[in-house]
Amino acid sequence: MKLIKILSKATVLAIFFIGSSLLAQQDNMSMKQEMTKMVGGAAMYPSKDIIANAVNSKDHTTLVAAVKAAGLVETLQGSGPFTVFAPTNKAFDKLPEGTVATLLKPENKEKLQGVLTYHVLAGKYSATDIVSAIEKGMGKAEFTTVNGAKLSAMLKGKNVMLMDANGNTAKVTIADVNQSNGVIHVVDTVVLPGM
């Protein structure tokens, strides 16, 4: 009888520890499932908004600073949905020397807003949506940006390429970084509206 009670207690404890272990594994698995992509050394979580994720990417510090200077933080934290073509720090470094510093000045806020909103589409466009539009357009798709100007997309091999109003191109290097209020596609070049 005593032996049965001891075995019963041992069984209950074993079930408790196994259950706790399984719950911990489930929590770890749900965190991994939520984490869709790594960008700039940081996990991008689909449950967070565009800004909440972008501020963690070490590759997008210039973009985040520009979004803050342009007063667009609240907009990109809004419900959206938005599609953001997010230039990396290296993309901003490709601009002529002094361009970023000039755009970040308070007196150039409107111009900076124009450049940044040229990287944003209203609505959520996955890479599949963009490629479908390119195929439907016989090799080229045109999108109207939040800026109001047109941005073209095409394929070069398997890569989605963007072409701005000046004929400059940017390659999507990381696609489909899902956010709670849209999607980010990382690009290697800053695209510019007609100037």
N, C-alpha and C. Protein backbone atom coordinates (compact mmCIF):
# COMPACT_ATOMS: atom_id res chain seq x y z
N MET A 1 0.82 -1.19 0.00
CA MET A 1 0.00 0.00 0.00
C MET A 1 0.86 1.25 0.00
N LYS A 2 1.90 1.26 0.92
CA LYS A 2 2.82 2.40 0.96
C LYS A 2 3.55 2.53 -0.37
N LEU A 3 3.96 1.39 -0.90
CA LEU A 3 4.68 1.38 -2.16
C LEU A 3 3.81 1.95 -3.29
N ILE A 4 2.53 1.64 -3.29
CA ILE A 4 1.61 2.16 -4.31
C ILE A 4 1.48 3.67 -4.18
N LYS A 5 1.39 4.19 -2.93
CA LYS A 5 1.30 5.64 -2.71
C LYS A 5 2.57 6.33 -3.20
N ILE A 6 3.74 5.76 -2.90
CA ILE A 6 5.02 6.34 -3.34
C ILE A 6 5.10 6.35 -4.86
N LEU A 7 4.70 5.21 -5.46
CA LEU A 7 4.71 5.14 -6.93
C LEU A 7 3.72 6.14 -7.54
N SER A 8 2.57 6.31 -6.90
CA SER A 8 1.58 7.26 -7.39
C SER A 8 2.12 8.68 -7.34
N LYS A 9 2.78 9.04 -6.23
CA LYS A 9 3.38 10.38 -6.10
C LYS A 9 4.49 10.57 -7.14
N ALA A 10 5.28 9.53 -7.32
CA ALA A 10 6.37 9.60 -8.31
C ALA A 10 5.80 9.79 -9.72
N THR A 11 4.71 9.08 -9.99
CA THR A 11 4.07 9.18 -11.30
C THR A 11 3.52 10.59 -11.52
N VAL A 12 2.87 11.15 -10.50
CA VAL A 12 2.32 12.51 -10.59
C VAL A 12 3.45 13.51 -10.85
N LEU A 13 4.56 13.37 -10.08
CA LEU A 13 5.71 14.27 -10.27
C LEU A 13 6.29 14.13 -11.68
N ALA A 14 6.41 12.90 -12.15
CA ALA A 14 6.95 12.68 -13.50
C ALA A 14 6.06 13.32 -14.55
N ILE A 15 4.75 13.15 -14.41
CA ILE A 15 3.81 13.75 -15.36
C ILE A 15 3.91 15.28 -15.32
N PHE A 16 4.04 15.83 -14.10
CA PHE A 16 4.18 17.28 -13.96
C PHE A 16 5.42 17.80 -14.68
N PHE A 17 6.57 17.13 -14.46
CA PHE A 17 7.82 17.58 -15.10
C PHE A 17 7.78 17.40 -16.62
N ILE A 18 7.21 16.29 -17.07
CA ILE A 18 7.09 16.06 -18.51
C ILE A 18 6.17 17.11 -19.13
N GLY A 19 5.04 17.39 -18.45
CA GLY A 19 4.10 18.40 -18.94
C GLY A 19 4.74 19.77 -19.00
N SER A 20 5.49 20.14 -17.95
CA SER A 20 6.18 21.44 -17.93
C SER A 20 7.18 21.54 -19.05
N SER A 21 7.92 20.44 -19.26
CA SER A 21 8.92 20.42 -20.33
C SER A 21 8.26 20.58 -21.70
N LEU A 22 7.14 19.87 -21.91
CA LEU A 22 6.43 19.98 -23.19
C LEU A 22 5.88 21.39 -23.41
N LEU A 23 5.36 22.03 -22.36
CA LEU A 23 4.88 23.40 -22.48
C LEU A 23 6.00 24.35 -22.85
N ALA A 24 7.17 24.17 -22.22
CA ALA A 24 8.32 25.02 -22.54
C ALA A 24 8.74 24.83 -23.99
N GLN A 25 8.72 23.57 -24.47
CA GLN A 25 9.07 23.31 -25.86
C GLN A 25 8.05 23.95 -26.80
N GLN A 26 6.76 23.88 -26.43
CA GLN A 26 5.72 24.50 -27.25
C GLN A 26 5.93 26.01 -27.33
N ASP A 27 6.27 26.65 -26.20
CA ASP A 27 6.52 28.09 -26.19
C ASP A 27 7.68 28.42 -27.11
N ASN A 28 8.76 27.63 -27.04
CA ASN A 28 9.92 27.86 -27.91
C ASN A 28 9.54 27.67 -29.37
N MET A 29 8.72 26.64 -29.66
CA MET A 29 8.31 26.41 -31.04
C MET A 29 7.43 27.53 -31.55
N SER A 30 6.51 28.05 -30.72
CA SER A 30 5.64 29.13 -31.19
C SER A 30 6.45 30.40 -31.42
N MET A 31 7.49 30.64 -30.61
CA MET A 31 8.37 31.80 -30.84
C MET A 31 9.10 31.63 -32.17
N LYS A 32 9.59 30.41 -32.46
CA LYS A 32 10.31 30.16 -33.70
C LYS A 32 9.38 30.30 -34.90
N GLN A 33 8.12 29.83 -34.76
CA GLN A 33 7.16 29.95 -35.85
C GLN A 33 6.82 31.41 -36.10
N GLU A 34 6.74 32.20 -35.04
CA GLU A 34 6.42 33.62 -35.19
C GLU A 34 7.56 34.36 -35.87
N MET A 35 8.79 33.95 -35.62
CA MET A 35 9.97 34.63 -36.16
C MET A 35 10.15 34.18 -37.61
N THR A 36 9.81 35.04 -38.55
CA THR A 36 9.86 34.61 -39.95
C THR A 36 11.21 34.84 -40.59
N LYS A 37 11.84 35.95 -40.32
CA LYS A 37 13.10 36.28 -41.00
C LYS A 37 14.06 36.96 -40.03
N MET A 38 15.34 36.87 -40.37
CA MET A 38 16.37 37.64 -39.67
C MET A 38 16.79 38.76 -40.61
N VAL A 39 16.76 39.98 -40.12
CA VAL A 39 17.18 41.13 -40.91
C VAL A 39 18.10 41.98 -40.05
N GLY A 40 19.29 42.25 -40.57
CA GLY A 40 20.23 43.08 -39.82
C GLY A 40 20.58 42.50 -38.47
N GLY A 41 20.65 41.16 -38.39
CA GLY A 41 21.00 40.49 -37.16
C GLY A 41 19.89 40.42 -36.14
N ALA A 42 18.69 40.82 -36.50
CA ALA A 42 17.57 40.81 -35.55
C ALA A 42 16.40 40.00 -36.10
N ALA A 43 15.70 39.36 -35.19
CA ALA A 43 14.50 38.61 -35.57
C ALA A 43 13.38 39.58 -35.87
N MET A 44 12.68 39.34 -36.97
CA MET A 44 11.54 40.16 -37.35
C MET A 44 10.27 39.36 -37.05
N TYR A 45 9.46 39.87 -36.16
CA TYR A 45 8.26 39.16 -35.72
C TYR A 45 7.01 39.67 -36.42
N PRO A 46 6.23 38.77 -37.02
CA PRO A 46 5.01 39.18 -37.70
C PRO A 46 3.97 39.81 -36.77
N SER A 47 4.12 39.63 -35.48
CA SER A 47 3.16 40.21 -34.53
C SER A 47 3.49 41.66 -34.21
N LYS A 48 4.66 42.15 -34.67
CA LYS A 48 5.06 43.54 -34.41
C LYS A 48 4.87 44.38 -35.67
N ASP A 49 4.72 45.71 -35.47
CA ASP A 49 4.53 46.58 -36.63
C ASP A 49 5.87 46.89 -37.30
N ILE A 50 5.79 47.57 -38.42
CA ILE A 50 6.97 47.86 -39.24
C ILE A 50 8.06 48.58 -38.44
N ILE A 51 7.69 49.59 -37.69
CA ILE A 51 8.67 50.36 -36.92
C ILE A 51 9.26 49.53 -35.79
N ALA A 52 8.42 48.79 -35.06
CA ALA A 52 8.89 47.98 -33.93
C ALA A 52 9.93 46.96 -34.39
N ASN A 53 9.80 46.45 -35.60
CA ASN A 53 10.80 45.52 -36.13
C ASN A 53 12.01 46.25 -36.69
N ALA A 54 11.78 47.30 -37.46
CA ALA A 54 12.87 48.01 -38.15
C ALA A 54 13.91 48.57 -37.18
N VAL A 55 13.47 49.05 -36.01
CA VAL A 55 14.42 49.66 -35.07
C VAL A 55 15.42 48.64 -34.53
N ASN A 56 15.14 47.35 -34.69
CA ASN A 56 16.06 46.31 -34.21
C ASN A 56 17.08 45.87 -35.24
N SER A 57 16.90 46.29 -36.50
CA SER A 57 17.82 45.88 -37.56
C SER A 57 19.02 46.81 -37.61
N LYS A 58 20.21 46.26 -37.40
CA LYS A 58 21.41 47.09 -37.46
C LYS A 58 21.71 47.54 -38.89
N ASP A 59 21.07 46.93 -39.88
CA ASP A 59 21.25 47.32 -41.28
C ASP A 59 20.33 48.45 -41.71
N HIS A 60 19.44 48.89 -40.82
CA HIS A 60 18.46 49.91 -41.19
C HIS A 60 18.46 51.12 -40.26
N THR A 61 19.59 51.42 -39.65
CA THR A 61 19.66 52.57 -38.73
C THR A 61 19.46 53.89 -39.47
N THR A 62 19.98 54.00 -40.68
CA THR A 62 19.81 55.23 -41.46
C THR A 62 18.34 55.40 -41.83
N LEU A 63 17.69 54.32 -42.26
CA LEU A 63 16.28 54.39 -42.62
C LEU A 63 15.44 54.80 -41.41
N VAL A 64 15.70 54.20 -40.27
CA VAL A 64 14.94 54.53 -39.06
C VAL A 64 15.14 56.01 -38.69
N ALA A 65 16.38 56.49 -38.77
CA ALA A 65 16.66 57.90 -38.48
C ALA A 65 15.91 58.80 -39.45
N ALA A 66 15.88 58.41 -40.72
CA ALA A 66 15.18 59.20 -41.74
C ALA A 66 13.68 59.21 -41.49
N VAL A 67 13.11 58.05 -41.14
CA VAL A 67 11.67 57.97 -40.86
C VAL A 67 11.32 58.87 -39.67
N LYS A 68 12.18 58.89 -38.65
CA LYS A 68 11.95 59.75 -37.48
C LYS A 68 12.04 61.22 -37.89
N ALA A 69 13.08 61.58 -38.67
CA ALA A 69 13.27 62.97 -39.09
C ALA A 69 12.12 63.46 -39.97
N ALA A 70 11.54 62.53 -40.74
CA ALA A 70 10.43 62.89 -41.64
C ALA A 70 9.09 62.91 -40.93
N GLY A 71 9.06 62.48 -39.67
CA GLY A 71 7.81 62.46 -38.92
C GLY A 71 6.85 61.38 -39.40
N LEU A 72 7.39 60.27 -39.88
CA LEU A 72 6.54 59.20 -40.43
C LEU A 72 6.40 57.99 -39.50
N VAL A 73 6.92 58.08 -38.28
CA VAL A 73 6.87 56.94 -37.36
C VAL A 73 5.43 56.52 -37.10
N GLU A 74 4.57 57.47 -36.72
CA GLU A 74 3.18 57.14 -36.40
C GLU A 74 2.46 56.54 -37.59
N THR A 75 2.74 57.06 -38.77
CA THR A 75 2.11 56.54 -39.99
C THR A 75 2.45 55.07 -40.17
N LEU A 76 3.75 54.74 -40.06
CA LEU A 76 4.19 53.36 -40.29
C LEU A 76 3.90 52.44 -39.11
N GLN A 77 3.41 53.01 -38.02
CA GLN A 77 2.93 52.20 -36.91
C GLN A 77 1.42 51.99 -37.02
N GLY A 78 0.81 52.67 -37.98
CA GLY A 78 -0.64 52.58 -38.18
C GLY A 78 -1.06 51.22 -38.68
N SER A 79 -2.37 51.05 -38.83
CA SER A 79 -2.90 49.73 -39.19
C SER A 79 -2.55 49.30 -40.61
N GLY A 80 -2.29 50.29 -41.50
CA GLY A 80 -1.91 49.94 -42.87
C GLY A 80 -3.04 49.23 -43.59
N PRO A 81 -2.73 48.17 -44.32
CA PRO A 81 -1.41 47.57 -44.47
C PRO A 81 -0.53 48.34 -45.45
N PHE A 82 0.80 48.20 -45.25
CA PHE A 82 1.79 48.85 -46.10
C PHE A 82 2.76 47.81 -46.64
N THR A 83 3.29 48.12 -47.81
CA THR A 83 4.43 47.37 -48.35
C THR A 83 5.57 48.36 -48.37
N VAL A 84 6.64 48.04 -47.66
CA VAL A 84 7.79 48.94 -47.57
C VAL A 84 8.99 48.30 -48.24
N PHE A 85 9.58 49.01 -49.19
CA PHE A 85 10.86 48.62 -49.79
C PHE A 85 11.92 49.33 -48.95
N ALA A 86 12.57 48.58 -48.06
CA ALA A 86 13.43 49.16 -47.03
C ALA A 86 14.90 49.15 -47.44
N PRO A 87 15.44 50.33 -47.79
CA PRO A 87 16.86 50.39 -48.16
C PRO A 87 17.76 50.18 -46.93
N THR A 88 18.83 49.46 -47.14
CA THR A 88 19.81 49.22 -46.07
C THR A 88 20.70 50.45 -45.90
N ASN A 89 21.51 50.44 -44.85
CA ASN A 89 22.49 51.52 -44.65
C ASN A 89 23.42 51.61 -45.86
N LYS A 90 23.83 50.46 -46.40
CA LYS A 90 24.72 50.45 -47.57
C LYS A 90 24.02 51.09 -48.78
N ALA A 91 22.71 50.92 -48.87
CA ALA A 91 21.95 51.53 -49.96
C ALA A 91 22.03 53.06 -49.85
N PHE A 92 21.86 53.58 -48.63
CA PHE A 92 21.96 55.02 -48.42
C PHE A 92 23.39 55.51 -48.68
N ASP A 93 24.37 54.67 -48.38
CA ASP A 93 25.78 55.04 -48.61
C ASP A 93 26.09 55.21 -50.10
N LYS A 94 25.29 54.60 -50.97
CA LYS A 94 25.51 54.72 -52.42
C LYS A 94 25.12 56.10 -52.95
N LEU A 95 24.30 56.83 -52.19
CA LEU A 95 23.89 58.17 -52.62
C LEU A 95 25.11 59.10 -52.61
N PRO A 96 25.07 60.15 -53.44
CA PRO A 96 26.20 61.09 -53.44
C PRO A 96 26.49 61.62 -52.03
N GLU A 97 27.76 61.82 -51.74
CA GLU A 97 28.18 62.25 -50.41
C GLU A 97 27.42 63.51 -49.96
N GLY A 98 26.93 63.47 -48.75
CA GLY A 98 26.22 64.61 -48.17
C GLY A 98 24.71 64.58 -48.40
N THR A 99 24.23 63.68 -49.27
CA THR A 99 22.80 63.63 -49.58
C THR A 99 21.96 63.31 -48.35
N VAL A 100 22.36 62.27 -47.61
CA VAL A 100 21.58 61.86 -46.44
C VAL A 100 21.58 62.98 -45.39
N ALA A 101 22.75 63.54 -45.12
CA ALA A 101 22.86 64.63 -44.13
C ALA A 101 21.97 65.81 -44.52
N THR A 102 21.94 66.13 -45.81
CA THR A 102 21.11 67.23 -46.30
C THR A 102 19.62 66.91 -46.13
N LEU A 103 19.24 65.68 -46.49
CA LEU A 103 17.83 65.29 -46.37
C LEU A 103 17.35 65.27 -44.92
N LEU A 104 18.25 64.98 -43.99
CA LEU A 104 17.87 64.89 -42.57
C LEU A 104 17.70 66.25 -41.91
N LYS A 105 18.07 67.33 -42.60
CA LYS A 105 17.91 68.67 -42.03
C LYS A 105 16.42 69.03 -41.95
N PRO A 106 16.01 69.69 -40.86
CA PRO A 106 14.59 70.03 -40.68
C PRO A 106 13.98 70.78 -41.87
N GLU A 107 14.77 71.65 -42.51
CA GLU A 107 14.22 72.42 -43.64
C GLU A 107 13.94 71.55 -44.87
N ASN A 108 14.45 70.33 -44.88
CA ASN A 108 14.23 69.42 -46.01
C ASN A 108 13.25 68.29 -45.68
N LYS A 109 12.47 68.48 -44.63
CA LYS A 109 11.54 67.44 -44.15
C LYS A 109 10.58 66.99 -45.25
N GLU A 110 10.04 67.93 -46.00
CA GLU A 110 9.08 67.60 -47.06
C GLU A 110 9.73 66.76 -48.16
N LYS A 111 10.94 67.13 -48.54
CA LYS A 111 11.67 66.38 -49.56
C LYS A 111 11.99 64.96 -49.07
N LEU A 112 12.39 64.85 -47.79
CA LEU A 112 12.68 63.55 -47.19
C LEU A 112 11.42 62.69 -47.16
N GLN A 113 10.29 63.30 -46.80
CA GLN A 113 9.02 62.56 -46.80
C GLN A 113 8.73 62.02 -48.20
N GLY A 114 8.99 62.85 -49.21
CA GLY A 114 8.76 62.43 -50.60
C GLY A 114 9.61 61.23 -50.99
N VAL A 115 10.88 61.24 -50.57
CA VAL A 115 11.78 60.12 -50.88
C VAL A 115 11.31 58.86 -50.14
N LEU A 116 11.01 58.98 -48.86
CA LEU A 116 10.63 57.81 -48.08
C LEU A 116 9.29 57.23 -48.51
N THR A 117 8.31 58.08 -48.79
CA THR A 117 7.00 57.56 -49.19
C THR A 117 7.03 56.96 -50.60
N TYR A 118 8.11 57.24 -51.35
CA TYR A 118 8.31 56.62 -52.66
C TYR A 118 8.70 55.15 -52.49
N HIS A 119 9.09 54.76 -51.28
CA HIS A 119 9.45 53.38 -50.96
C HIS A 119 8.28 52.60 -50.35
N VAL A 120 7.09 53.19 -50.35
CA VAL A 120 5.94 52.58 -49.67
C VAL A 120 4.75 52.46 -50.63
N LEU A 121 4.12 51.29 -50.60
CA LEU A 121 2.87 51.07 -51.34
C LEU A 121 1.75 50.89 -50.33
N ALA A 122 0.58 51.43 -50.64
CA ALA A 122 -0.60 51.18 -49.80
C ALA A 122 -1.07 49.77 -50.13
N GLY A 123 -1.23 48.94 -49.11
CA GLY A 123 -1.63 47.55 -49.30
C GLY A 123 -0.46 46.63 -49.05
N LYS A 124 -0.76 45.36 -48.90
CA LYS A 124 0.27 44.36 -48.64
C LYS A 124 0.52 43.56 -49.91
N TYR A 125 1.73 43.72 -50.46
CA TYR A 125 2.13 43.02 -51.68
C TYR A 125 3.26 42.06 -51.35
N SER A 126 2.96 40.77 -51.36
CA SER A 126 4.00 39.77 -51.14
C SER A 126 4.86 39.69 -52.40
N ALA A 127 5.99 38.99 -52.30
CA ALA A 127 6.83 38.79 -53.47
C ALA A 127 6.05 38.08 -54.58
N THR A 128 5.21 37.14 -54.19
CA THR A 128 4.37 36.42 -55.16
C THR A 128 3.42 37.38 -55.87
N ASP A 129 2.84 38.32 -55.12
CA ASP A 129 1.94 39.31 -55.72
C ASP A 129 2.68 40.17 -56.74
N ILE A 130 3.90 40.58 -56.37
CA ILE A 130 4.70 41.45 -57.25
C ILE A 130 5.10 40.69 -58.50
N VAL A 131 5.57 39.45 -58.34
CA VAL A 131 5.97 38.63 -59.50
C VAL A 131 4.76 38.37 -60.40
N SER A 132 3.60 38.11 -59.81
CA SER A 132 2.38 37.90 -60.61
C SER A 132 2.05 39.15 -61.44
N ALA A 133 2.19 40.32 -60.82
CA ALA A 133 1.92 41.58 -61.53
C ALA A 133 2.93 41.78 -62.67
N ILE A 134 4.18 41.40 -62.43
CA ILE A 134 5.22 41.50 -63.47
C ILE A 134 4.87 40.59 -64.64
N GLU A 135 4.48 39.36 -64.33
CA GLU A 135 4.12 38.40 -65.39
C GLU A 135 2.89 38.86 -66.15
N LYS A 136 1.91 39.38 -65.42
CA LYS A 136 0.69 39.88 -66.06
C LYS A 136 1.00 41.08 -66.96
N GLY A 137 1.99 41.88 -66.57
CA GLY A 137 2.38 43.05 -67.36
C GLY A 137 3.42 42.74 -68.42
N MET A 138 3.59 41.45 -68.72
CA MET A 138 4.53 41.02 -69.77
C MET A 138 5.97 41.46 -69.46
N GLY A 139 6.38 41.29 -68.20
CA GLY A 139 7.77 41.56 -67.83
C GLY A 139 7.98 42.82 -67.01
N LYS A 140 6.91 43.61 -66.83
CA LYS A 140 7.05 44.85 -66.06
C LYS A 140 5.73 45.20 -65.39
N ALA A 141 5.82 45.59 -64.13
CA ALA A 141 4.63 46.03 -63.40
C ALA A 141 4.88 47.43 -62.89
N GLU A 142 3.83 48.23 -62.88
CA GLU A 142 3.95 49.59 -62.37
C GLU A 142 3.06 49.74 -61.14
N PHE A 143 3.63 50.32 -60.09
CA PHE A 143 2.90 50.53 -58.85
C PHE A 143 2.89 52.01 -58.53
N THR A 144 1.77 52.48 -57.99
CA THR A 144 1.70 53.86 -57.52
C THR A 144 2.08 53.86 -56.05
N THR A 145 3.11 54.62 -55.71
CA THR A 145 3.59 54.67 -54.34
C THR A 145 2.74 55.62 -53.51
N VAL A 146 2.94 55.61 -52.20
CA VAL A 146 2.24 56.53 -51.31
C VAL A 146 2.60 57.97 -51.68
N ASN A 147 3.77 58.17 -52.22
CA ASN A 147 4.25 59.47 -52.70
C ASN A 147 3.37 59.98 -53.86
N GLY A 148 2.73 59.05 -54.58
CA GLY A 148 1.91 59.42 -55.73
C GLY A 148 2.61 59.15 -57.05
N ALA A 149 3.94 58.95 -57.01
CA ALA A 149 4.71 58.68 -58.21
C ALA A 149 4.75 57.18 -58.50
N LYS A 150 5.07 56.83 -59.73
CA LYS A 150 5.12 55.44 -60.16
C LYS A 150 6.48 54.81 -59.87
N LEU A 151 6.45 53.52 -59.54
CA LEU A 151 7.65 52.71 -59.32
C LEU A 151 7.44 51.42 -60.10
N SER A 152 8.43 51.06 -60.90
CA SER A 152 8.30 49.86 -61.73
C SER A 152 9.00 48.68 -61.09
N ALA A 153 8.52 47.48 -61.38
CA ALA A 153 9.14 46.24 -60.91
C ALA A 153 9.29 45.32 -62.10
N MET A 154 10.41 44.58 -62.12
CA MET A 154 10.68 43.61 -63.17
C MET A 154 11.51 42.48 -62.59
N LEU A 155 11.71 41.44 -63.36
CA LEU A 155 12.55 40.33 -62.93
C LEU A 155 13.87 40.37 -63.67
N LYS A 156 14.94 40.07 -62.94
CA LYS A 156 16.26 39.88 -63.56
C LYS A 156 16.71 38.53 -63.03
N GLY A 157 16.55 37.50 -63.89
CA GLY A 157 16.74 36.13 -63.41
C GLY A 157 15.60 35.84 -62.44
N LYS A 158 15.95 35.46 -61.21
CA LYS A 158 14.92 35.19 -60.19
C LYS A 158 14.76 36.37 -59.24
N ASN A 159 15.53 37.44 -59.46
CA ASN A 159 15.49 38.59 -58.56
C ASN A 159 14.45 39.62 -58.99
N VAL A 160 13.71 40.13 -58.01
CA VAL A 160 12.79 41.23 -58.26
C VAL A 160 13.61 42.51 -58.22
N MET A 161 13.49 43.29 -59.28
CA MET A 161 14.20 44.56 -59.39
C MET A 161 13.18 45.69 -59.44
N LEU A 162 13.51 46.80 -58.79
CA LEU A 162 12.68 48.00 -58.86
C LEU A 162 13.38 49.01 -59.74
N MET A 163 12.63 49.79 -60.49
CA MET A 163 13.21 50.88 -61.28
C MET A 163 12.48 52.16 -60.93
N ASP A 164 13.25 53.17 -60.54
CA ASP A 164 12.64 54.44 -60.16
C ASP A 164 12.41 55.33 -61.38
N ALA A 165 11.88 56.50 -61.15
CA ALA A 165 11.55 57.45 -62.23
C ALA A 165 12.78 57.92 -62.98
N ASN A 166 13.97 57.76 -62.38
CA ASN A 166 15.22 58.21 -63.01
C ASN A 166 15.94 57.08 -63.74
N GLY A 167 15.36 55.87 -63.72
CA GLY A 167 15.99 54.73 -64.38
C GLY A 167 16.96 53.96 -63.49
N ASN A 168 17.11 54.37 -62.23
CA ASN A 168 17.98 53.65 -61.30
C ASN A 168 17.27 52.38 -60.84
N THR A 169 18.05 51.33 -60.58
CA THR A 169 17.44 50.06 -60.17
C THR A 169 17.89 49.65 -58.76
N ALA A 170 17.03 48.92 -58.10
CA ALA A 170 17.30 48.36 -56.77
C ALA A 170 16.86 46.91 -56.79
N LYS A 171 17.65 46.06 -56.14
CA LYS A 171 17.32 44.64 -56.07
C LYS A 171 16.72 44.32 -54.70
N VAL A 172 15.67 43.52 -54.72
CA VAL A 172 15.10 43.02 -53.46
C VAL A 172 16.03 41.91 -52.98
N THR A 173 16.65 42.12 -51.81
CA THR A 173 17.61 41.15 -51.29
C THR A 173 17.00 40.22 -50.25
N ILE A 174 15.98 40.69 -49.54
CA ILE A 174 15.22 39.85 -48.60
C ILE A 174 13.75 40.19 -48.82
N ALA A 175 12.98 39.19 -49.21
CA ALA A 175 11.56 39.41 -49.50
C ALA A 175 10.68 38.87 -48.38
N ASP A 176 9.46 39.38 -48.35
CA ASP A 176 8.41 38.85 -47.47
C ASP A 176 8.77 38.81 -45.99
N VAL A 177 9.21 39.94 -45.47
CA VAL A 177 9.42 40.06 -44.03
C VAL A 177 8.09 40.57 -43.48
N ASN A 178 7.24 39.65 -43.05
CA ASN A 178 5.87 39.99 -42.65
C ASN A 178 5.82 40.75 -41.33
N GLN A 179 4.91 41.71 -41.29
CA GLN A 179 4.70 42.57 -40.13
C GLN A 179 3.22 42.53 -39.77
N SER A 180 2.87 43.02 -38.61
CA SER A 180 1.45 43.03 -38.23
C SER A 180 0.66 43.99 -39.11
N ASN A 181 1.34 44.99 -39.68
CA ASN A 181 0.63 45.98 -40.51
C ASN A 181 1.17 46.05 -41.94
N GLY A 182 1.67 44.92 -42.43
CA GLY A 182 2.13 44.89 -43.81
C GLY A 182 3.31 43.97 -44.01
N VAL A 183 4.16 44.35 -44.94
CA VAL A 183 5.32 43.53 -45.29
C VAL A 183 6.48 44.44 -45.68
N ILE A 184 7.69 43.99 -45.37
CA ILE A 184 8.91 44.69 -45.77
C ILE A 184 9.64 43.82 -46.78
N HIS A 185 10.17 44.48 -47.82
CA HIS A 185 11.10 43.85 -48.75
C HIS A 185 12.37 44.68 -48.66
N VAL A 186 13.48 44.07 -48.26
CA VAL A 186 14.75 44.80 -48.13
C VAL A 186 15.33 45.02 -49.52
N VAL A 187 15.80 46.26 -49.79
CA VAL A 187 16.40 46.58 -51.09
C VAL A 187 17.81 47.12 -50.90
N ASP A 188 18.64 46.95 -51.96
CA ASP A 188 20.05 47.32 -51.87
C ASP A 188 20.37 48.71 -52.39
N THR A 189 19.36 49.46 -52.84
CA THR A 189 19.57 50.78 -53.40
C THR A 189 18.37 51.67 -53.04
N VAL A 190 18.62 52.95 -52.81
CA VAL A 190 17.55 53.90 -52.57
C VAL A 190 16.95 54.27 -53.92
N VAL A 191 15.64 54.14 -54.05
CA VAL A 191 14.96 54.58 -55.27
C VAL A 191 14.46 56.01 -55.05
N LEU A 192 14.49 56.79 -56.12
CA LEU A 192 14.15 58.21 -55.99
C LEU A 192 13.05 58.61 -56.96
N PRO A 193 12.11 59.41 -56.48
CA PRO A 193 11.08 59.93 -57.39
C PRO A 193 11.74 60.87 -58.40
N GLY A 194 11.07 61.15 -59.49
CA GLY A 194 11.63 62.06 -60.49
C GLY A 194 12.02 63.40 -59.87
N MET A 195 13.23 63.83 -60.19
CA MET A 195 13.73 65.09 -59.61
C MET A 195 14.22 66.00 -60.70
